């Protein structure tokens, strides 16, 4: 993925990439196939690199089916105004998430991602509606994993909220805030509150650590959205069927649980626990020799390291977290494998440093990412179109009998 300065190409670069004349380039722009905008410091136009490369892919035959190429991490499959990814970090409606995490809260990040200014979704009186059935389920699931408890409670929440199906953008933002507050409270086994979300988490899980509120705040902002990751795409697909935001968040939660997505933080925590009482170098050498992967390292989009992870690790280092985990482990593993640290490892170090409950990596990921799911689900509902991709069939030719034996030619 290119950095923010490389999101654009000059006319000469774009034409060269496509092997076309400038006149043909301008024709593509006029047909809406390539986005163009003025260069800030000159009268020349610049052209979106991703549009140029997507068009190039369409023009060049490929042995891969088009559907598979559509899910390549470097090729966009739909338009969104919510976020994109650069080598400097995710961009939330034009704002770098790393910069935002320096001082902002998850609530403010939500209002940015939801593009809301006419109402205050996190006003003190905008609290979730809690039915007796929801309280019963929450109580029965107190010992369950936070994400499972949240799914169970949210499954009943839309029925309890009389405004769950609103179509008004401001109304959806208000519903979104009630969902986030309910999700956080349910995961913490606490009552919903107007208290800042990061402070709620710190009070319940790390009350004795003075650095906890700010570190948790930073992590939540960094994790709030990350464009079309697996759980967000799942939430958008669910929303495209016309269901409500509560159910779209449930879809996102289910997808997040997988070990290749949000569940990777739990695996990274196991790595951290393994290294607590052991020297780093021998463990890394042994795992590399055995061909084992390191959870929390490598990323399908960030080729030179995840800036969200570096932001959180730097903050942990300033707060006194062991250098062994904030510096030595990332350096040793990068040197041995060529894979750089990602946000899952940084989240695991946060959990270790603050002595948070087991499994809280996934819970915090879900709390934060629910904001992004709501943004994308709302945008998809606004589009009003069903997401219905096609598959390329590569199975047996039509004409087989039910028993599996192809019909004879003369019988076809």
Protein backbone atom coordinates (compact mmCIF):
# COMPACT_ATOMS: atom_id res chain seq x y z
CA UNK A 1 0.00 0.00 0.00
CA UNK A 2 1.36 3.37 -0.97
CA UNK A 3 1.91 6.17 1.49
CA UNK A 4 -0.20 9.32 1.38
CA UNK A 5 2.13 11.03 -1.13
CA UNK A 6 1.86 8.06 -3.45
CA UNK A 7 -1.91 7.85 -3.61
CA UNK A 8 -1.73 9.99 -6.75
CA UNK A 9 0.01 9.90 -10.12
CA UNK A 10 0.84 12.74 -12.49
CA UNK A 11 -0.73 12.72 -15.96
CA UNK A 12 2.52 11.45 -17.43
CA UNK A 13 2.82 8.66 -14.83
CA UNK A 14 -0.82 7.61 -15.24
CA UNK A 15 -0.59 7.52 -19.02
CA UNK A 16 2.64 5.52 -18.84
CA UNK A 17 1.11 3.03 -16.38
CA UNK A 18 -1.75 2.35 -18.79
CA UNK A 19 0.36 2.70 -21.96
CA UNK A 20 -2.09 5.25 -23.39
CA UNK A 21 -1.96 8.79 -24.69
CA UNK A 22 -2.86 11.78 -22.51
CA UNK A 23 -6.01 12.24 -24.63
CA UNK A 24 -7.18 8.72 -23.74
CA UNK A 25 -6.41 9.38 -20.09
CA UNK A 26 -8.63 12.45 -20.14
CA UNK A 27 -11.37 10.37 -21.79
CA UNK A 28 -11.17 7.87 -18.94
CA UNK A 29 -11.50 10.74 -16.47
CA UNK A 30 -14.53 12.17 -18.25
CA UNK A 31 -16.20 8.73 -18.13
CA UNK A 32 -15.64 8.54 -14.38
CA UNK A 33 -13.20 5.61 -14.57
CA UNK A 34 -10.32 7.57 -13.03
CA UNK A 35 -10.69 10.24 -10.36
CA UNK A 36 -8.82 13.49 -10.94
CA UNK A 37 -8.31 16.53 -8.76
CA UNK A 38 -6.18 19.68 -8.77
CA UNK A 39 -2.66 19.50 -7.35
CA UNK A 40 -2.52 21.74 -4.23
CA UNK A 41 0.61 23.63 -5.28
CA UNK A 42 0.10 23.93 -9.05
CA UNK A 43 -2.52 24.22 -11.78
CA UNK A 44 -1.95 20.65 -12.95
CA UNK A 45 -4.24 17.75 -12.08
CA UNK A 46 -3.28 14.57 -10.30
CA UNK A 47 -4.89 11.13 -10.70
CA UNK A 48 -5.83 8.45 -8.16
CA UNK A 49 -3.25 5.67 -8.40
CA UNK A 50 -5.69 2.99 -7.24
CA UNK A 51 -8.11 3.90 -10.05
CA UNK A 52 -5.34 3.72 -12.64
CA UNK A 53 -4.18 0.31 -11.41
CA UNK A 54 -7.70 -1.06 -11.10
CA UNK A 55 -8.36 -0.02 -14.70
CA UNK A 56 -5.09 -1.62 -15.76
CA UNK A 57 -6.16 -4.88 -14.08
CA UNK A 58 -9.43 -4.82 -15.99
CA UNK A 59 -7.67 -4.28 -19.31
CA UNK A 60 -5.03 -7.01 -18.85
CA UNK A 61 -6.19 -10.66 -19.04
CA UNK A 62 -5.37 -12.64 -15.94
CA UNK A 63 -5.28 -16.39 -15.25
CA UNK A 64 -7.06 -15.69 -11.95
CA UNK A 65 -10.85 -15.36 -11.84
CA UNK A 66 -11.97 -11.77 -11.58
CA UNK A 67 -13.63 -12.42 -8.23
CA UNK A 68 -10.39 -13.55 -6.65
CA UNK A 69 -8.57 -10.50 -7.98
CA UNK A 70 -11.34 -8.35 -6.52
CA UNK A 71 -10.41 -9.51 -3.02
CA UNK A 72 -6.72 -8.71 -3.42
CA UNK A 73 -5.68 -6.41 -0.55
CA UNK A 74 -4.28 -3.89 -3.02
CA UNK A 75 -7.36 -3.64 -5.27
CA UNK A 76 -10.41 -1.69 -4.03
CA UNK A 77 -13.80 -3.38 -4.62
CA UNK A 78 -16.16 -0.57 -3.62
CA UNK A 79 -16.29 3.16 -2.96
CA UNK A 80 -16.38 4.53 0.58
CA UNK A 81 -15.99 7.95 2.16
CA UNK A 82 -15.16 6.49 5.58
CA UNK A 83 -11.53 5.36 5.57
CA UNK A 84 -8.53 4.20 3.60
CA UNK A 85 -5.09 2.81 4.45
CA UNK A 86 -1.67 4.34 3.86
CA UNK A 87 1.79 3.37 5.06
CA UNK A 88 1.40 6.10 7.70
CA UNK A 89 -1.75 4.47 9.08
CA UNK A 90 -5.47 4.32 8.50
CA UNK A 91 -7.12 7.57 7.40
CA UNK A 92 -10.49 8.33 9.03
CA UNK A 93 -12.32 10.74 6.69
CA UNK A 94 -9.07 12.50 5.90
CA UNK A 95 -7.56 12.32 9.42
CA UNK A 96 -4.68 9.96 10.22
CA UNK A 97 -5.70 7.61 13.03
CA UNK A 98 -2.22 7.81 14.59
CA UNK A 99 -2.52 11.59 14.90
CA UNK A 100 -6.08 11.27 16.18
CA UNK A 101 -4.99 8.80 18.87
CA UNK A 102 -2.66 11.32 20.46
CA UNK A 103 -5.50 13.13 22.23
CA UNK A 104 -8.94 12.06 21.02
CA UNK A 105 -11.49 9.62 22.41
CA UNK A 106 -13.39 6.77 20.82
CA UNK A 107 -16.57 8.84 21.10
CA UNK A 108 -15.11 11.70 19.08
CA UNK A 109 -13.67 9.22 16.60
CA UNK A 110 -17.16 7.76 16.19
CA UNK A 111 -18.68 11.13 15.35
CA UNK A 112 -15.93 11.61 12.75
CA UNK A 113 -16.41 8.20 11.14
CA UNK A 114 -20.20 8.50 11.25
CA UNK A 115 -19.95 12.00 9.73
CA UNK A 116 -22.39 13.47 12.22
CA UNK A 117 -22.53 17.10 13.33
CA UNK A 118 -26.23 17.89 13.82
CA UNK A 119 -26.66 15.79 16.96
CA UNK A 120 -24.53 14.54 19.85
CA UNK A 121 -24.79 10.73 19.74
CA UNK A 122 -22.98 10.41 23.05
CA UNK A 123 -25.14 12.88 24.96
CA UNK A 124 -25.57 11.67 28.56
CA UNK A 125 -29.25 10.83 28.08
CA UNK A 126 -28.77 8.68 24.95
CA UNK A 127 -28.57 5.41 26.83
CA UNK A 128 -29.41 1.93 25.51
CA UNK A 129 -32.84 0.43 26.12
CA UNK A 130 -32.45 -2.64 28.34
CA UNK A 131 -35.28 -5.19 28.45
CA UNK A 132 -35.78 -7.78 31.16
CA UNK A 133 -34.90 -10.48 28.67
CA UNK A 134 -31.60 -8.76 27.95
CA UNK A 135 -30.80 -8.53 31.66
CA UNK A 136 -31.62 -12.21 32.09
CA UNK A 137 -29.35 -13.24 29.22
CA UNK A 138 -26.53 -10.97 30.43
CA UNK A 139 -26.77 -12.40 33.93
CA UNK A 140 -26.81 -15.99 32.70
CA UNK A 141 -23.77 -15.32 30.49
CA UNK A 142 -21.68 -13.45 33.10
CA UNK A 143 -18.97 -16.13 32.98
CA UNK A 144 -19.01 -16.43 29.19
CA UNK A 145 -16.41 -14.80 26.96
CA UNK A 146 -17.19 -11.07 26.61
CA UNK A 147 -17.73 -11.28 22.85
CA UNK A 148 -20.13 -14.24 23.18
CA UNK A 149 -22.08 -12.46 25.91
CA UNK A 150 -22.30 -9.35 23.73
CA UNK A 151 -23.63 -11.31 20.74
CA UNK A 152 -26.31 -12.89 22.93
CA UNK A 153 -27.48 -9.58 24.40
CA UNK A 154 -27.35 -7.67 21.11
CA UNK A 155 -29.54 -10.33 19.51
CA UNK A 156 -32.41 -9.03 21.68
CA UNK A 157 -31.49 -5.36 21.68
CA UNK A 158 -33.11 -4.26 18.43
CA UNK A 159 -36.49 -5.45 19.69
CA UNK A 160 -36.03 -3.37 22.84
CA UNK A 161 -35.06 -0.21 20.98
CA UNK A 162 -38.11 1.44 19.37
CA UNK A 163 -35.87 3.54 17.13
CA UNK A 164 -33.63 0.70 15.93
CA UNK A 165 -34.89 0.84 12.35
CA UNK A 166 -34.61 4.58 11.75
CA UNK A 167 -33.47 5.61 8.26
CA UNK A 168 -32.42 9.15 9.17
CA UNK A 169 -28.59 9.60 9.21
CA UNK A 170 -28.67 11.44 12.55
CA UNK A 171 -31.03 8.82 13.92
CA UNK A 172 -28.66 6.03 12.89
CA UNK A 173 -25.83 7.84 14.67
CA UNK A 174 -27.92 7.96 17.84
CA UNK A 175 -28.65 4.24 17.52
CA UNK A 176 -24.94 3.63 16.91
CA UNK A 177 -23.97 5.32 20.18
CA UNK A 178 -26.52 3.24 22.09
CA UNK A 179 -25.08 0.09 20.52
CA UNK A 180 -21.50 1.01 21.46
CA UNK A 181 -22.47 1.88 25.03
CA UNK A 182 -24.43 -1.37 25.35
CA UNK A 183 -21.59 -3.40 23.85
CA UNK A 184 -18.97 -1.96 26.20
CA UNK A 185 -21.18 -2.33 29.28
CA UNK A 186 -22.08 -5.91 28.40
CA UNK A 187 -18.47 -6.90 27.83
CA UNK A 188 -17.49 -5.36 31.16
CA UNK A 189 -20.43 -6.97 33.03
CA UNK A 190 -21.41 -3.44 34.05
CA UNK A 191 -24.30 -1.00 33.69
CA UNK A 192 -24.39 1.27 30.66
CA UNK A 193 -22.98 4.68 31.46
CA UNK A 194 -22.28 8.13 30.00
CA UNK A 195 -18.74 7.96 31.42
CA UNK A 196 -16.08 8.09 28.66
CA UNK A 197 -15.69 4.60 27.26
CA UNK A 198 -11.96 4.28 27.87
CA UNK A 199 -12.45 5.30 31.48
CA UNK A 200 -15.13 2.65 31.93
CA UNK A 201 -12.77 -0.03 30.67
CA UNK A 202 -9.89 1.21 32.82
CA UNK A 203 -12.06 1.45 35.96
CA UNK A 204 -13.32 -2.14 35.64
CA UNK A 205 -10.20 -3.85 34.34
CA UNK A 206 -7.22 -1.78 35.56
CA UNK A 207 -8.38 0.51 38.36
CA UNK A 208 -4.96 0.60 40.08
CA UNK A 209 -2.90 1.59 37.03
CA UNK A 210 -2.59 5.34 36.50
CA UNK A 211 -1.52 4.87 32.86
CA UNK A 212 -4.45 2.62 31.95
CA UNK A 213 -7.04 5.23 30.91
CA UNK A 214 -4.77 6.97 28.40
CA UNK A 215 -3.28 3.77 26.98
CA UNK A 216 -6.71 2.20 26.55
CA UNK A 217 -8.02 5.42 24.98
CA UNK A 218 -5.19 5.36 22.44
CA UNK A 219 -5.74 1.69 21.59
CA UNK A 220 -9.48 2.17 21.06
CA UNK A 221 -8.96 5.08 18.66
CA UNK A 222 -6.29 3.20 16.68
CA UNK A 223 -8.59 0.18 16.32
CA UNK A 224 -11.81 2.03 15.48
CA UNK A 225 -11.73 1.31 11.75
CA UNK A 226 -9.48 -0.23 9.11
CA UNK A 227 -11.34 0.00 5.83
CA UNK A 228 -12.63 -3.30 4.35
CA UNK A 229 -11.17 -5.90 6.71
CA UNK A 230 -12.98 -9.24 7.02
CA UNK A 231 -15.36 -8.24 9.83
CA UNK A 232 -16.22 -4.88 8.28
CA UNK A 233 -16.95 -6.46 4.91
CA UNK A 234 -19.13 -9.00 6.72
CA UNK A 235 -21.01 -6.20 8.48
CA UNK A 236 -21.50 -4.37 5.17
CA UNK A 237 -22.79 -7.51 3.45
CA UNK A 238 -25.24 -8.06 6.31
CA UNK A 239 -26.37 -4.43 6.24
CA UNK A 240 -26.87 -4.60 2.48
CA UNK A 241 -29.76 -7.00 3.07
CA UNK A 242 -31.58 -4.18 4.87
CA UNK A 243 -31.26 -5.30 8.46
CA UNK A 244 -30.72 -2.98 11.43
CA UNK A 245 -27.44 -1.77 12.92
CA UNK A 246 -27.65 -4.09 15.94
CA UNK A 247 -27.67 -7.13 13.67
CA UNK A 248 -24.91 -5.71 11.47
CA UNK A 249 -22.70 -5.39 14.56
CA UNK A 250 -23.51 -9.00 15.50
CA UNK A 251 -22.28 -10.06 12.05
CA UNK A 252 -19.07 -8.11 12.60
CA UNK A 253 -18.55 -9.65 16.04
CA UNK A 254 -18.88 -13.19 14.67
CA UNK A 255 -16.33 -12.53 11.94
CA UNK A 256 -13.92 -10.82 14.34
CA UNK A 257 -13.59 -13.93 16.51
CA UNK A 258 -11.52 -15.82 13.94
CA UNK A 259 -7.82 -16.46 14.69
CA UNK A 260 -6.82 -14.76 11.42
CA UNK A 261 -8.57 -11.55 12.46
CA UNK A 262 -9.35 -10.25 15.96
CA UNK A 263 -8.49 -13.58 17.53
CA UNK A 264 -4.87 -13.04 16.52
CA UNK A 265 -4.47 -10.79 19.57
CA UNK A 266 -5.15 -13.74 21.86
CA UNK A 267 -2.49 -15.77 20.04
CA UNK A 268 -0.06 -12.85 20.33
CA UNK A 269 -0.71 -12.79 24.08
CA UNK A 270 0.37 -16.43 24.24
CA UNK A 271 3.65 -15.41 22.61
CA UNK A 272 4.11 -12.64 25.19
CA UNK A 273 3.44 -15.08 28.06
CA UNK A 274 5.97 -17.52 26.61
CA UNK A 275 8.65 -14.82 26.63
CA UNK A 276 8.01 -13.44 30.12
CA UNK A 277 10.60 -15.69 31.80
CA UNK A 278 12.70 -16.62 28.78
CA UNK A 279 15.37 -14.92 26.71
CA UNK A 280 14.06 -13.64 23.41
CA UNK A 281 16.81 -14.74 21.03
CA UNK A 282 16.68 -18.52 21.72
CA UNK A 283 12.88 -18.63 21.48
CA UNK A 284 12.89 -16.73 18.18
CA UNK A 285 15.68 -18.89 16.78
CA UNK A 286 13.89 -22.11 17.78
CA UNK A 287 10.55 -21.08 16.25
CA UNK A 288 12.15 -19.87 13.05
CA UNK A 289 14.06 -23.15 12.74
CA UNK A 290 10.78 -25.06 13.13
CA UNK A 291 9.08 -22.90 10.52
CA UNK A 292 6.57 -21.49 12.99
CA UNK A 293 4.85 -18.13 12.47
CA UNK A 294 4.71 -15.38 15.08
CA UNK A 295 1.21 -14.15 15.91
CA UNK A 296 1.15 -10.36 15.87
CA UNK A 297 3.73 -10.01 13.11
CA UNK A 298 3.28 -9.43 9.41
CA UNK A 299 0.31 -7.77 7.74
CA UNK A 300 -1.50 -8.19 4.44
CA UNK A 301 -1.54 -4.42 3.82
CA UNK A 302 1.36 -2.87 5.77
CA UNK A 303 4.54 -4.13 4.14
CA UNK A 304 6.95 -2.01 6.21
CA UNK A 305 5.28 -2.22 9.60
CA UNK A 306 1.97 -1.26 11.17
CA UNK A 307 2.10 2.39 12.33
CA UNK A 308 -0.77 1.75 14.75
CA UNK A 309 1.36 -0.83 16.54
CA UNK A 310 4.34 1.51 16.72
CA UNK A 311 2.18 4.29 18.14
CA UNK A 312 0.85 2.03 20.90
CA UNK A 313 4.23 0.46 21.67
CA UNK A 314 5.84 3.90 21.94
CA UNK A 315 3.15 4.99 24.39
CA UNK A 316 3.62 1.80 26.40
CA UNK A 317 7.36 2.42 26.50
CA UNK A 318 6.80 5.94 27.84
CA UNK A 319 4.48 4.49 30.48
CA UNK A 320 7.19 2.14 31.71
CA UNK A 321 6.36 -1.14 29.94
CA UNK A 322 9.37 -3.49 29.68
CA UNK A 323 11.71 -2.68 26.83
CA UNK A 324 11.91 -6.40 26.20
CA UNK A 325 8.39 -6.31 24.77
CA UNK A 326 8.23 -2.82 23.31
CA UNK A 327 11.57 -2.98 21.48
CA UNK A 328 13.57 -6.22 21.72
CA UNK A 329 10.90 -8.72 20.64
CA UNK A 330 9.78 -6.69 17.59
CA UNK A 331 13.37 -6.11 16.53
CA UNK A 332 14.46 -9.74 16.95
CA UNK A 333 11.47 -11.14 15.07
CA UNK A 334 11.74 -8.61 12.26
CA UNK A 335 15.43 -9.43 11.89
CA UNK A 336 14.76 -13.18 11.83
CA UNK A 337 11.65 -13.26 9.63
CA UNK A 338 11.39 -9.96 7.77
CA UNK A 339 7.91 -9.54 9.27
CA UNK A 340 7.15 -6.38 11.22
CA UNK A 341 5.04 -5.92 14.29
CA UNK A 342 1.30 -5.33 13.89
CA UNK A 343 -1.48 -4.04 16.13
CA UNK A 344 -2.31 -7.52 17.49
CA UNK A 345 1.09 -7.81 19.17
CA UNK A 346 0.92 -4.25 20.52
CA UNK A 347 -2.50 -5.01 21.98
CA UNK A 348 -1.11 -8.16 23.60
CA UNK A 349 1.68 -6.11 25.21
CA UNK A 350 -0.92 -3.62 26.47
CA UNK A 351 -2.91 -6.45 28.09
CA UNK A 352 0.26 -7.81 29.70
CA UNK A 353 1.52 -4.42 30.92
CA UNK A 354 -1.83 -3.44 32.47
CA UNK A 355 -2.56 -6.96 33.75
CA UNK A 356 -5.93 -6.99 32.01
CA UNK A 357 -8.14 -10.10 32.09
CA UNK A 358 -7.44 -12.96 29.70
CA UNK A 359 -9.29 -12.45 26.44
CA UNK A 360 -9.54 -8.69 26.82
CA UNK A 361 -7.47 -8.25 23.63
CA UNK A 362 -10.42 -9.46 21.56
CA UNK A 363 -12.94 -7.61 23.71
CA UNK A 364 -11.18 -4.24 23.30
CA UNK A 365 -10.78 -4.87 19.59
CA UNK A 366 -14.54 -5.46 19.35
CA UNK A 367 -15.42 -2.39 21.44
CA UNK A 368 -13.36 -0.18 19.17
CA UNK A 369 -14.18 -1.76 15.82
CA UNK A 370 -17.92 -1.61 16.51
CA UNK A 371 -17.60 2.10 15.70
CA UNK A 372 -16.23 1.27 12.25
CA UNK A 373 -18.86 -1.42 11.62
CA UNK A 374 -21.61 1.07 12.39
CA UNK A 375 -20.06 3.62 10.02
CA UNK A 376 -19.81 1.12 7.17
CA UNK A 377 -23.22 -0.45 7.82
CA UNK A 378 -24.81 3.01 7.81
CA UNK A 379 -23.08 3.90 4.55
CA UNK A 380 -24.22 0.62 3.01
CA UNK A 381 -27.80 1.18 4.16
CA UNK A 382 -27.62 4.64 2.60
CA UNK A 383 -26.45 3.09 -0.69
CA UNK A 384 -29.47 0.81 -0.59
CA UNK A 385 -27.88 -1.89 -2.75
CA UNK A 386 -27.47 -5.60 -2.01
CA UNK A 387 -23.88 -6.87 -2.10
CA UNK A 388 -24.16 -9.97 -4.27
CA UNK A 389 -20.82 -11.07 -5.80
CA UNK A 390 -20.59 -14.05 -8.15
CA UNK A 391 -18.37 -17.11 -7.96
CA UNK A 392 -16.57 -18.75 -10.88
CA UNK A 393 -17.75 -22.34 -11.03
CA UNK A 394 -14.87 -24.84 -11.35
CA UNK A 395 -16.74 -28.03 -10.43
CA UNK A 396 -17.86 -30.94 -12.62
CA UNK A 397 -19.53 -30.08 -15.91
CA UNK A 398 -23.34 -29.92 -15.87
CA UNK A 399 -25.06 -33.19 -16.79
CA UNK A 400 -23.91 -35.41 -13.92
CA UNK A 401 -26.43 -37.76 -12.38
CA UNK A 402 -27.28 -37.61 -8.68
CA UNK A 403 -25.10 -40.68 -8.02
CA UNK A 404 -22.05 -38.88 -9.38
CA UNK A 405 -21.76 -40.71 -12.74
CA UNK A 406 -21.94 -38.44 -15.80
CA UNK A 407 -24.79 -39.19 -18.16
CA UNK A 408 -23.89 -40.95 -21.41
CA UNK A 409 -23.56 -38.67 -24.36
CA UNK A 410 -26.59 -40.18 -26.15
CA UNK A 411 -28.73 -39.69 -23.01
CA UNK A 412 -27.95 -35.97 -22.66
